Amino acid sequence: MGDKVTDIEFVLFYINHIDNPCSFEHEGKQVNVRPVYLEQAREILKHHNFENPYAKELLENKPREYS
């Protein structure tokens, strides 16, 4: 029996990765993956049925912060 991840846990995972993104080196330059996580957050907001409206609101606010 697996543990179900709550909306808030799911959103906090993304928020953490948006605020503290990893980076990698490509062709001698550091590439920040924040834009990838921001795009994923936007897609999640379009398609995920949130049970917790506060979690949805948290995730909605994060892309605005980096716009």
PDB file of N, CA and C in Angstrom:
ATOM      1  N   MET A   1       0.844  -1.166   0.000  1.00  0.00           N
ATOM      2  CA  MET A   1       0.000   0.000   0.000  1.00  0.00           C
ATOM      3  C   MET A   1       0.899   1.242   0.000  1.00  0.00           C
ATOM      4  N   GLY A   2       0.776   2.075  -1.036  1.00  0.00           N
ATOM      5  CA  GLY A   2       1.617   3.256  -1.137  1.00  0.00           C
ATOM      6  C   GLY A   2       0.959   4.473  -0.525  1.00  0.00           C
ATOM      7  N   ASP A   3       1.797   5.406  -0.153  1.00  0.00           N
ATOM      8  CA  ASP A   3       1.297   6.666   0.388  1.00  0.00           C
ATOM      9  C   ASP A   3       0.947   7.599  -0.765  1.00  0.00           C
ATOM     10  N   LYS A   4      -0.207   8.212  -0.675  1.00  0.00           N
ATOM     11  CA  LYS A   4      -0.622   9.177  -1.685  1.00  0.00           C
ATOM     12  C   LYS A   4       0.004  10.533  -1.358  1.00  0.00           C
ATOM     13  N   VAL A   5       0.578  11.150  -2.363  1.00  0.00           N
ATOM     14  CA  VAL A   5       1.163  12.478  -2.195  1.00  0.00           C
ATOM     15  C   VAL A   5       0.014  13.484  -2.188  1.00  0.00           C
ATOM     16  N   THR A   6       0.023  14.370  -1.233  1.00  0.00           N
ATOM     17  CA  THR A   6      -1.018  15.388  -1.157  1.00  0.00           C
ATOM     18  C   THR A   6      -0.726  16.502  -2.164  1.00  0.00           C
ATOM     19  N   ASP A   7      -1.752  17.280  -2.460  1.00  0.00           N
ATOM     20  CA  ASP A   7      -1.562  18.423  -3.362  1.00  0.00           C
ATOM     21  C   ASP A   7      -0.479  19.354  -2.850  1.00  0.00           C
ATOM     22  N   ILE A   8      -0.493  19.617  -1.568  1.00  0.00           N
ATOM     23  CA  ILE A   8       0.479  20.562  -1.006  1.00  0.00           C
ATOM     24  C   ILE A   8       1.905  20.007  -1.123  1.00  0.00           C
ATOM     25  N   GLU A   9       2.096  18.721  -0.897  1.00  0.00           N
ATOM     26  CA  GLU A   9       3.426  18.106  -1.044  1.00  0.00           C
ATOM     27  C   GLU A   9       3.893  18.197  -2.496  1.00  0.00           C
ATOM     28  N   PHE A  10       2.984  17.922  -3.400  1.00  0.00           N
ATOM     29  CA  PHE A  10       3.265  17.961  -4.828  1.00  0.00           C
ATOM     30  C   PHE A  10       3.686  19.378  -5.248  1.00  0.00           C
ATOM     31  N   VAL A  11       2.922  20.371  -4.810  1.00  0.00           N
ATOM     32  CA  VAL A  11       3.201  21.766  -5.150  1.00  0.00           C
ATOM     33  C   VAL A  11       4.503  22.237  -4.507  1.00  0.00           C
ATOM     34  N   LEU A  12       4.729  21.880  -3.260  1.00  0.00           N
ATOM     35  CA  LEU A  12       5.969  22.291  -2.597  1.00  0.00           C
ATOM     36  C   LEU A  12       7.200  21.711  -3.278  1.00  0.00           C
ATOM     37  N   PHE A  13       7.082  20.495  -3.816  1.00  0.00           N
ATOM     38  CA  PHE A  13       8.165  19.903  -4.596  1.00  0.00           C
ATOM     39  C   PHE A  13       8.512  20.810  -5.780  1.00  0.00           C
ATOM     40  N   TYR A  14       7.503  21.224  -6.532  1.00  0.00           N
ATOM     41  CA  TYR A  14       7.746  22.089  -7.691  1.00  0.00           C
ATOM     42  C   TYR A  14       8.248  23.463  -7.286  1.00  0.00           C
ATOM     43  N   ILE A  15       7.657  24.029  -6.260  1.00  0.00           N
ATOM     44  CA  ILE A  15       8.097  25.349  -5.798  1.00  0.00           C
ATOM     45  C   ILE A  15       9.567  25.316  -5.390  1.00  0.00           C
ATOM     46  N   ASN A  16       9.974  24.270  -4.702  1.00  0.00           N
ATOM     47  CA  ASN A  16      11.379  24.137  -4.303  1.00  0.00           C
ATOM     48  C   ASN A  16      12.287  24.082  -5.528  1.00  0.00           C
ATOM     49  N   HIS A  17      11.889  23.334  -6.547  1.00  0.00           N
ATOM     50  CA  HIS A  17      12.721  23.224  -7.742  1.00  0.00           C
ATOM     51  C   HIS A  17      12.700  24.500  -8.581  1.00  0.00           C
ATOM     52  N   ILE A  18      11.618  25.243  -8.524  1.00  0.00           N
ATOM     53  CA  ILE A  18      11.570  26.520  -9.234  1.00  0.00           C
ATOM     54  C   ILE A  18      12.469  27.537  -8.533  1.00  0.00           C
ATOM     55  N   ASP A  19      12.380  27.576  -7.213  1.00  0.00           N
ATOM     56  CA  ASP A  19      13.190  28.542  -6.453  1.00  0.00           C
ATOM     57  C   ASP A  19      14.663  28.156  -6.392  1.00  0.00           C
ATOM     58  N   ASN A  20      14.954  26.880  -6.424  1.00  0.00           N
ATOM     59  CA  ASN A  20      16.333  26.379  -6.304  1.00  0.00           C
ATOM     60  C   ASN A  20      16.641  25.402  -7.437  1.00  0.00           C
ATOM     61  N   PRO A  21      16.621  25.884  -8.672  1.00  0.00           N
ATOM     62  CA  PRO A  21      16.787  24.970  -9.799  1.00  0.00           C
ATOM     63  C   PRO A  21      18.209  24.454  -9.925  1.00  0.00           C
ATOM     64  N   CYS A  22      18.310  23.275 -10.502  1.00  0.00           N
ATOM     65  CA  CYS A  22      19.643  22.768 -10.809  1.00  0.00           C
ATOM     66  C   CYS A  22      20.090  23.410 -12.118  1.00  0.00           C
ATOM     67  N   SER A  23      21.316  23.211 -12.410  1.00  0.00           N
ATOM     68  CA  SER A  23      21.847  23.697 -13.677  1.00  0.00           C
ATOM     69  C   SER A  23      22.821  22.642 -14.187  1.00  0.00           C
ATOM     70  N   PHE A  24      23.140  22.753 -15.454  1.00  0.00           N
ATOM     71  CA  PHE A  24      24.114  21.843 -16.042  1.00  0.00           C
ATOM     72  C   PHE A  24      24.941  22.630 -17.056  1.00  0.00           C
ATOM     73  N   GLU A  25      26.055  22.073 -17.412  1.00  0.00           N
ATOM     74  CA  GLU A  25      26.922  22.739 -18.372  1.00  0.00           C
ATOM     75  C   GLU A  25      26.613  22.214 -19.765  1.00  0.00           C
ATOM     76  N   HIS A  26      26.447  23.148 -20.693  1.00  0.00           N
ATOM     77  CA  HIS A  26      26.205  22.800 -22.091  1.00  0.00           C
ATOM     78  C   HIS A  26      27.018  23.751 -22.953  1.00  0.00           C
ATOM     79  N   GLU A  27      27.891  23.178 -23.746  1.00  0.00           N
ATOM     80  CA  GLU A  27      28.755  23.954 -24.634  1.00  0.00           C
ATOM     81  C   GLU A  27      29.505  25.049 -23.887  1.00  0.00           C
ATOM     82  N   GLY A  28      29.990  24.694 -22.703  1.00  0.00           N
ATOM     83  CA  GLY A  28      30.803  25.598 -21.911  1.00  0.00           C
ATOM     84  C   GLY A  28      30.043  26.640 -21.113  1.00  0.00           C
ATOM     85  N   LYS A  29      28.698  26.592 -21.138  1.00  0.00           N
ATOM     86  CA  LYS A  29      27.887  27.560 -20.398  1.00  0.00           C
ATOM     87  C   LYS A  29      26.978  26.823 -19.420  1.00  0.00           C
ATOM     88  N   GLN A  30      26.730  27.456 -18.285  1.00  0.00           N
ATOM     89  CA  GLN A  30      25.791  26.910 -17.300  1.00  0.00           C
ATOM     90  C   GLN A  30      24.362  27.210 -17.761  1.00  0.00           C
ATOM     91  N   VAL A  31      23.545  26.170 -17.782  1.00  0.00           N
ATOM     92  CA  VAL A  31      22.149  26.291 -18.186  1.00  0.00           C
ATOM     93  C   VAL A  31      21.278  26.067 -16.961  1.00  0.00           C
ATOM     94  N   ASN A  32      20.425  27.009 -16.656  1.00  0.00           N
ATOM     95  CA  ASN A  32      19.515  26.942 -15.531  1.00  0.00           C
ATOM     96  C   ASN A  32      18.215  26.286 -16.021  1.00  0.00           C
ATOM     97  N   VAL A  33      17.688  25.319 -15.271  1.00  0.00           N
ATOM     98  CA  VAL A  33      16.489  24.614 -15.708  1.00  0.00           C
ATOM     99  C   VAL A  33      15.195  25.188 -15.121  1.00  0.00           C
ATOM    100  N   ARG A  34      15.264  26.341 -14.490  1.00  0.00           N
ATOM    101  CA  ARG A  34      14.050  26.976 -13.950  1.00  0.00           C
ATOM    102  C   ARG A  34      12.947  27.103 -15.003  1.00  0.00           C
ATOM    103  N   PRO A  35      13.253  27.540 -16.232  1.00  0.00           N
ATOM    104  CA  PRO A  35      12.185  27.656 -17.229  1.00  0.00           C
ATOM    105  C   PRO A  35      11.441  26.337 -17.482  1.00  0.00           C
ATOM    106  N   VAL A  36      12.139  25.235 -17.382  1.00  0.00           N
ATOM    107  CA  VAL A  36      11.501  23.925 -17.566  1.00  0.00           C
ATOM    108  C   VAL A  36      10.490  23.679 -16.456  1.00  0.00           C
ATOM    109  N   TYR A  37      10.881  23.932 -15.224  1.00  0.00           N
ATOM    110  CA  TYR A  37       9.963  23.743 -14.096  1.00  0.00           C
ATOM    111  C   TYR A  37       8.789  24.718 -14.154  1.00  0.00           C
ATOM    112  N   LEU A  38       9.020  25.944 -14.594  1.00  0.00           N
ATOM    113  CA  LEU A  38       7.927  26.906 -14.720  1.00  0.00           C
ATOM    114  C   LEU A  38       6.916  26.441 -15.769  1.00  0.00           C
ATOM    115  N   GLU A  39       7.400  25.924 -16.868  1.00  0.00           N
ATOM    116  CA  GLU A  39       6.497  25.412 -17.904  1.00  0.00           C
ATOM    117  C   GLU A  39       5.725  24.192 -17.394  1.00  0.00           C
ATOM    118  N   GLN A  40       6.387  23.318 -16.675  1.00  0.00           N
ATOM    119  CA  GLN A  40       5.696  22.162 -16.093  1.00  0.00           C
ATOM    120  C   GLN A  40       4.627  22.613 -15.113  1.00  0.00           C
ATOM    121  N   ALA A  41       4.916  23.621 -14.319  1.00  0.00           N
ATOM    122  CA  ALA A  41       3.932  24.144 -13.363  1.00  0.00           C
ATOM    123  C   ALA A  41       2.703  24.667 -14.104  1.00  0.00           C
ATOM    124  N   ARG A  42       2.920  25.375 -15.203  1.00  0.00           N
ATOM    125  CA  ARG A  42       1.791  25.890 -15.990  1.00  0.00           C
ATOM    126  C   ARG A  42       0.946  24.746 -16.552  1.00  0.00           C
ATOM    127  N   GLU A  43       1.595  23.704 -17.004  1.00  0.00           N
ATOM    128  CA  GLU A  43       0.866  22.546 -17.530  1.00  0.00           C
ATOM    129  C   GLU A  43       0.095  21.823 -16.426  1.00  0.00           C
ATOM    130  N   ILE A  44       0.702  21.695 -15.281  1.00  0.00           N
ATOM    131  CA  ILE A  44       0.025  21.069 -14.139  1.00  0.00           C
ATOM    132  C   ILE A  44      -1.233  21.854 -13.791  1.00  0.00           C
ATOM    133  N   LEU A  45      -1.124  23.167 -13.778  1.00  0.00           N
ATOM    134  CA  LEU A  45      -2.276  24.004 -13.457  1.00  0.00           C
ATOM    135  C   LEU A  45      -3.411  23.830 -14.467  1.00  0.00           C
ATOM    136  N   LYS A  46      -3.070  23.552 -15.711  1.00  0.00           N
ATOM    137  CA  LYS A  46      -4.095  23.340 -16.742  1.00  0.00           C
ATOM    138  C   LYS A  46      -4.806  21.996 -16.581  1.00  0.00           C
ATOM    139  N   HIS A  47      -4.079  20.976 -16.118  1.00  0.00           N
ATOM    140  CA  HIS A  47      -4.600  19.613 -16.209  1.00  0.00           C
ATOM    141  C   HIS A  47      -4.855  18.903 -14.884  1.00  0.00           C
ATOM    142  N   HIS A  48      -4.300  19.385 -13.803  1.00  0.00           N
ATOM    143  CA  HIS A  48      -4.429  18.691 -12.516  1.00  0.00           C
ATOM    144  C   HIS A  48      -5.693  19.143 -11.797  1.00  0.00           C
ATOM    145  N   ASN A  49      -6.419  18.201 -11.254  1.00  0.00           N
ATOM    146  CA  ASN A  49      -7.618  18.499 -10.469  1.00  0.00           C
ATOM    147  C   ASN A  49      -7.203  18.587  -9.003  1.00  0.00           C
ATOM    148  N   PHE A  50      -6.996  19.800  -8.527  1.00  0.00           N
ATOM    149  CA  PHE A  50      -6.540  20.014  -7.162  1.00  0.00           C
ATOM    150  C   PHE A  50      -7.673  19.795  -6.165  1.00  0.00           C
ATOM    151  N   GLU A  51      -7.386  19.050  -5.121  1.00  0.00           N
ATOM    152  CA  GLU A  51      -8.322  18.902  -4.011  1.00  0.00           C
ATOM    153  C   GLU A  51      -8.147  20.047  -3.017  1.00  0.00           C
ATOM    154  N   ASN A  52      -6.946  20.594  -2.955  1.00  0.00           N
ATOM    155  CA  ASN A  52      -6.613  21.655  -2.012  1.00  0.00           C
ATOM    156  C   ASN A  52      -6.465  22.980  -2.770  1.00  0.00           C
ATOM    157  N   PRO A  53      -7.427  23.891  -2.636  1.00  0.00           N
ATOM    158  CA  PRO A  53      -7.344  25.153  -3.377  1.00  0.00           C
ATOM    159  C   PRO A  53      -6.144  26.011  -2.982  1.00  0.00           C
ATOM    160  N   TYR A  54      -5.676  25.883  -1.735  1.00  0.00           N
ATOM    161  CA  TYR A  54      -4.504  26.641  -1.304  1.00  0.00           C
ATOM    162  C   TYR A  54      -3.261  26.170  -2.063  1.00  0.00           C
ATOM    163  N   ALA A  55      -3.140  24.883  -2.285  1.00  0.00           N
ATOM    164  CA  ALA A  55      -2.003  24.350  -3.037  1.00  0.00           C
ATOM    165  C   ALA A  55      -2.020  24.890  -4.461  1.00  0.00           C
ATOM    166  N   LYS A  56      -3.198  24.918  -5.067  1.00  0.00           N
ATOM    167  CA  LYS A  56      -3.322  25.453  -6.427  1.00  0.00           C
ATOM    168  C   LYS A  56      -2.913  26.922  -6.460  1.00  0.00           C
ATOM    169  N   GLU A  57      -3.364  27.680  -5.493  1.00  0.00           N
ATOM    170  CA  GLU A  57      -3.028  29.106  -5.428  1.00  0.00           C
ATOM    171  C   GLU A  57      -1.518  29.316  -5.284  1.00  0.00           C
ATOM    172  N   LEU A  58      -0.881  28.508  -4.457  1.00  0.00           N
ATOM    173  CA  LEU A  58       0.582  28.603  -4.301  1.00  0.00           C
ATOM    174  C   LEU A  58       1.292  28.387  -5.625  1.00  0.00           C
ATOM    175  N   LEU A  59       0.841  27.359  -6.351  1.00  0.00           N
ATOM    176  CA  LEU A  59       1.489  27.058  -7.627  1.00  0.00           C
ATOM    177  C   LEU A  59       1.168  28.123  -8.676  1.00  0.00           C
ATOM    178  N   GLU A  60      -0.019  28.693  -8.643  1.00  0.00           N
ATOM    179  CA  GLU A  60      -0.374  29.763  -9.577  1.00  0.00           C
ATOM    180  C   GLU A  60       0.509  30.995  -9.378  1.00  0.00           C
ATOM    181  N   ASN A  61       0.851  31.280  -8.149  1.00  0.00           N
ATOM    182  CA  ASN A  61       1.639  32.475  -7.847  1.00  0.00           C
ATOM    183  C   ASN A  61       3.109  32.351  -8.231  1.00  0.00           C
ATOM    184  N   LYS A  62       3.619  31.147  -8.243  1.00  0.00           N
ATOM    185  CA  LYS A  62       5.058  30.968  -8.490  1.00  0.00           C
ATOM    186  C   LYS A  62       5.495  31.428  -9.879  1.00  0.00           C
ATOM    187  N   PRO A  63       4.834  31.046 -10.960  1.00  0.00           N
ATOM    188  CA  PRO A  63       5.287  31.555 -12.270  1.00  0.00           C
ATOM    189  C   PRO A  63       5.200  33.072 -12.378  1.00  0.00           C
ATOM    190  N   ARG A  64       4.221  33.678 -11.730  1.00  0.00           N
ATOM    191  CA  ARG A  64       4.113  35.139 -11.738  1.00  0.00           C
ATOM    192  C   ARG A  64       5.335  35.788 -11.099  1.00  0.00           C
ATOM    193  N   GLU A  65       5.862  35.135 -10.098  1.00  0.00           N
ATOM    194  CA  GLU A  65       7.037  35.654  -9.384  1.00  0.00           C
ATOM    195  C   GLU A  65       8.244  35.777 -10.314  1.00  0.00           C
ATOM    196  N   TYR A  66       8.339  34.893 -11.297  1.00  0.00           N
ATOM    197  CA  TYR A  66       9.504  34.877 -12.199  1.00  0.00           C
ATOM    198  C   TYR A  66       9.176  35.431 -13.574  1.00  0.00           C
ATOM    199  N   SER A  67       8.009  36.036 -13.737  1.00  0.00           N
ATOM    200  CA  SER A  67       7.625  36.599 -15.044  1.00  0.00           C
ATOM    201  C   SER A  67       8.242  37.969 -15.236  1.00  0.00           C
TER     202      SER A  67
END
